[in-house]
Amino acid sequence: MGNYGQIDCAVAPQATMKSDMTTVALDDSKALRRAFGRFGTGVTVITTQSDDGPLGMTANSFSSVSLEPPLVLWSAALRSKRHDVFVKAEHFCIHILGEDQQDLANHFATQGHDFDICDWAQGPGGAPQLAGCLAAFHCRAHAVHPAGDHSVILGEVIQAAECPGQGAGLLFDKGRFGRFSPKP
């Protein structure tokens, strides 16, 4: 039977781009960012404990990776003033934001040290856990990989929590915040 997940070894012919699409020049960072932005994502706030106290940053690059062991990843821009603290952090916490937490996302996108705007408690490993989020994943650093103008940070989940209920997550699509509305 061939390789797992592979029906046969035939290679599909290369498809041409649909005529209604415009090719994006890879050296045009604004156009490339706009094209990347067509993929809607959830919004998270990542927190850790630094030498100067709690630190947070907003990220939409979160993804689950593995259940055995439980691994997650996110990426931090090299140009971020908070980058170095997060890539060196032994522990961090990833918070999945609810649709009503855009102010929190905006706050931690620009301000990392001000935790006065939210309730929080120290979690396992010392990373702050923000109150009121849909889910939180306390992680131990697993690996950091350089990736162009970002670092990909993998964490092993050591504790997870979920808020009960059906709250919708905060989403980010084409540079805008919003929420998912299921089709009937």
Protein backbone atom coordinates (compact mmCIF):
# COMPACT_ATOMS: atom_id res chain seq x y z
CA MET A 1 0.00 0.00 0.00
CA GLY A 2 2.43 3.00 -0.39
CA ASN A 3 3.21 5.66 2.16
CA TYR A 4 0.74 6.58 4.88
CA GLY A 5 -1.72 9.16 3.61
CA GLN A 6 -0.65 8.74 -0.01
CA ILE A 7 -2.98 7.12 -2.54
CA ASP A 8 -0.40 6.59 -5.26
CA CYS A 9 2.87 8.06 -6.41
CA ALA A 10 1.51 9.97 -9.41
CA VAL A 11 2.31 13.67 -9.46
CA ALA A 12 -0.53 16.03 -10.31
CA PRO A 13 0.13 18.44 -13.17
CA GLN A 14 1.07 21.91 -12.02
CA ALA A 15 -2.03 24.09 -12.00
CA THR A 16 -1.93 27.58 -13.38
CA MET A 17 -3.24 30.48 -11.33
CA LYS A 18 -6.86 31.39 -11.95
CA SER A 19 -7.20 34.37 -14.26
CA ASP A 20 -9.05 36.36 -11.59
CA MET A 21 -6.00 36.30 -9.31
CA THR A 22 -3.15 38.79 -9.40
CA THR A 23 0.38 37.52 -8.86
CA VAL A 24 2.01 38.99 -5.77
CA ALA A 25 5.63 40.09 -6.11
CA LEU A 26 7.54 38.40 -3.30
CA ASP A 27 9.74 41.48 -2.85
CA ASP A 28 6.65 43.68 -2.26
CA SER A 29 6.26 43.26 1.50
CA LYS A 30 2.98 45.23 1.66
CA ALA A 31 1.35 43.10 -1.05
CA LEU A 32 2.70 39.87 0.46
CA ARG A 33 1.44 40.87 3.92
CA ARG A 34 -1.97 41.63 2.39
CA ALA A 35 -2.05 38.18 0.74
CA PHE A 36 -0.99 36.47 4.01
CA GLY A 37 -3.75 38.46 5.74
CA ARG A 38 -6.37 36.64 3.66
CA PHE A 39 -5.95 33.72 6.06
CA GLY A 40 -8.11 34.54 9.09
CA THR A 41 -6.64 33.51 12.43
CA GLY A 42 -7.48 33.49 16.08
CA VAL A 43 -5.96 36.08 18.40
CA THR A 44 -3.81 35.26 21.43
CA VAL A 45 -1.88 37.06 24.12
CA ILE A 46 1.34 35.36 25.20
CA THR A 47 2.70 36.11 28.67
CA THR A 48 5.88 35.33 30.55
CA GLN A 49 7.74 36.51 33.63
CA SER A 50 10.76 38.71 32.86
CA ASP A 51 13.47 40.26 35.04
CA ASP A 52 11.33 43.44 35.01
CA GLY A 53 8.06 41.69 35.90
CA PRO A 54 5.25 40.24 33.81
CA LEU A 55 5.45 40.70 30.05
CA GLY A 56 2.84 40.13 27.36
CA MET A 57 2.42 40.39 23.61
CA THR A 58 -0.38 39.83 21.13
CA ALA A 59 0.13 37.18 18.45
CA ASN A 60 -2.03 35.62 15.78
CA SER A 61 0.56 33.02 14.79
CA PHE A 62 -0.56 30.37 17.30
CA SER A 63 -1.09 26.76 16.24
CA SER A 64 -1.46 23.42 17.97
CA VAL A 65 1.20 20.98 16.79
CA SER A 66 0.89 17.67 18.63
CA LEU A 67 -1.25 15.87 21.22
CA GLU A 68 1.46 13.34 22.20
CA PRO A 69 3.30 15.17 23.66
CA PRO A 70 1.09 18.27 23.77
CA LEU A 71 2.99 20.88 21.73
CA VAL A 72 2.00 24.32 20.46
CA LEU A 73 3.83 27.01 18.50
CA TRP A 74 3.75 30.70 17.83
CA SER A 75 6.16 33.15 16.26
CA ALA A 76 7.68 36.42 17.42
CA ALA A 77 9.05 39.11 15.11
CA LEU A 78 12.77 39.79 15.45
CA ARG A 79 12.05 43.53 15.37
CA SER A 80 9.83 43.30 18.47
CA LYS A 81 11.35 44.80 21.61
CA ARG A 82 9.89 41.78 23.45
CA HIS A 83 11.35 39.15 21.11
CA ASP A 84 14.50 38.35 23.08
CA VAL A 85 12.67 37.88 26.39
CA PHE A 86 10.23 35.41 24.84
CA VAL A 87 12.82 33.34 22.96
CA LYS A 88 14.82 33.01 26.20
CA ALA A 89 11.80 32.34 28.44
CA GLU A 90 11.67 28.94 30.14
CA HIS A 91 7.89 29.22 30.61
CA PHE A 92 5.12 31.14 28.89
CA CYS A 93 1.33 31.10 28.73
CA ILE A 94 -0.78 31.37 25.58
CA HIS A 95 -4.25 32.87 26.05
CA ILE A 96 -7.02 32.39 23.46
CA LEU A 97 -9.00 35.64 23.42
CA GLY A 98 -12.77 35.90 23.30
CA GLU A 99 -14.66 38.10 20.86
CA ASP A 100 -15.12 40.74 23.58
CA GLN A 101 -11.37 41.09 24.28
CA GLN A 102 -10.22 43.28 21.40
CA ASP A 103 -9.10 45.97 23.87
CA LEU A 104 -6.81 43.41 25.53
CA ALA A 105 -5.38 42.42 22.13
CA ASN A 106 -4.78 46.05 21.19
CA HIS A 107 -3.19 46.79 24.57
CA PHE A 108 -0.65 43.95 24.44
CA ALA A 109 0.10 44.66 20.77
CA THR A 110 1.65 47.97 21.83
CA GLN A 111 2.33 47.70 25.58
CA GLY A 112 3.96 44.67 27.14
CA HIS A 113 4.63 45.56 30.78
CA ASP A 114 1.31 47.13 31.85
CA PHE A 115 -0.81 44.43 33.47
CA ASP A 116 -2.96 46.92 35.42
CA ILE A 117 -5.76 46.65 32.84
CA CYS A 118 -6.58 43.00 33.63
CA ASP A 119 -6.84 40.51 36.44
CA TRP A 120 -4.15 37.86 36.41
CA ALA A 121 -2.49 35.27 38.61
CA GLN A 122 0.86 33.54 38.46
CA GLY A 123 0.61 30.11 36.84
CA PRO A 124 2.85 27.06 36.91
CA GLY A 125 6.36 28.05 35.92
CA GLY A 126 5.64 31.68 36.83
CA ALA A 127 3.96 32.92 33.63
CA PRO A 128 0.94 35.16 34.25
CA GLN A 129 -2.50 33.72 33.48
CA LEU A 130 -4.99 36.38 32.40
CA ALA A 131 -8.55 36.13 33.70
CA GLY A 132 -11.51 35.86 31.36
CA CYS A 133 -9.87 34.26 28.32
CA LEU A 134 -11.45 31.34 26.47
CA ALA A 135 -8.45 29.05 27.07
CA ALA A 136 -4.94 29.20 28.48
CA PHE A 137 -1.97 26.94 27.80
CA HIS A 138 0.94 27.07 30.24
CA CYS A 139 4.04 25.92 28.41
CA ARG A 140 7.63 24.96 29.04
CA ALA A 141 9.94 26.06 26.24
CA HIS A 142 10.53 23.10 23.91
CA ALA A 143 12.48 24.63 21.00
CA VAL A 144 13.13 27.91 19.21
CA HIS A 145 13.83 27.98 15.48
CA PRO A 146 15.02 30.97 13.46
CA ALA A 147 12.59 31.61 10.61
CA GLY A 148 13.37 34.62 8.42
CA ASP A 149 12.33 37.80 10.22
CA HIS A 150 10.68 35.79 13.04
CA SER A 151 11.53 33.10 15.58
CA VAL A 152 9.23 30.09 15.80
CA ILE A 153 8.73 29.21 19.46
CA LEU A 154 7.51 25.72 20.37
CA GLY A 155 6.16 25.00 23.82
CA GLU A 156 5.23 21.81 25.61
CA VAL A 157 1.90 22.31 27.36
CA ILE A 158 2.25 21.56 31.08
CA GLN A 159 -1.21 22.80 32.05
CA ALA A 160 -4.29 23.76 30.05
CA ALA A 161 -7.51 25.49 31.12
CA GLU A 162 -10.71 26.26 29.25
CA CYS A 163 -13.53 28.64 30.12
CA PRO A 164 -16.87 26.82 30.15
CA GLY A 165 -19.52 27.92 27.68
CA GLN A 166 -19.88 28.67 24.03
CA GLY A 167 -18.03 32.00 23.77
CA ALA A 168 -16.78 32.92 20.33
CA GLY A 169 -13.10 33.59 19.77
CA LEU A 170 -11.64 36.90 18.64
CA LEU A 171 -10.52 36.58 15.02
CA PHE A 172 -8.18 38.62 12.83
CA ASP A 173 -8.74 38.75 9.07
CA LYS A 174 -7.44 41.22 6.46
CA GLY A 175 -6.17 43.55 9.20
CA ARG A 176 -9.51 43.63 11.02
CA PHE A 177 -10.84 42.08 14.21
CA GLY A 178 -14.11 40.18 14.14
CA ARG A 179 -15.89 36.99 15.08
CA PHE A 180 -16.95 33.77 13.41
CA SER A 181 -20.60 33.48 12.45
CA PRO A 182 -21.56 29.92 11.55
CA LYS A 183 -23.80 29.35 8.55
CA PRO A 184 -27.24 27.94 9.42
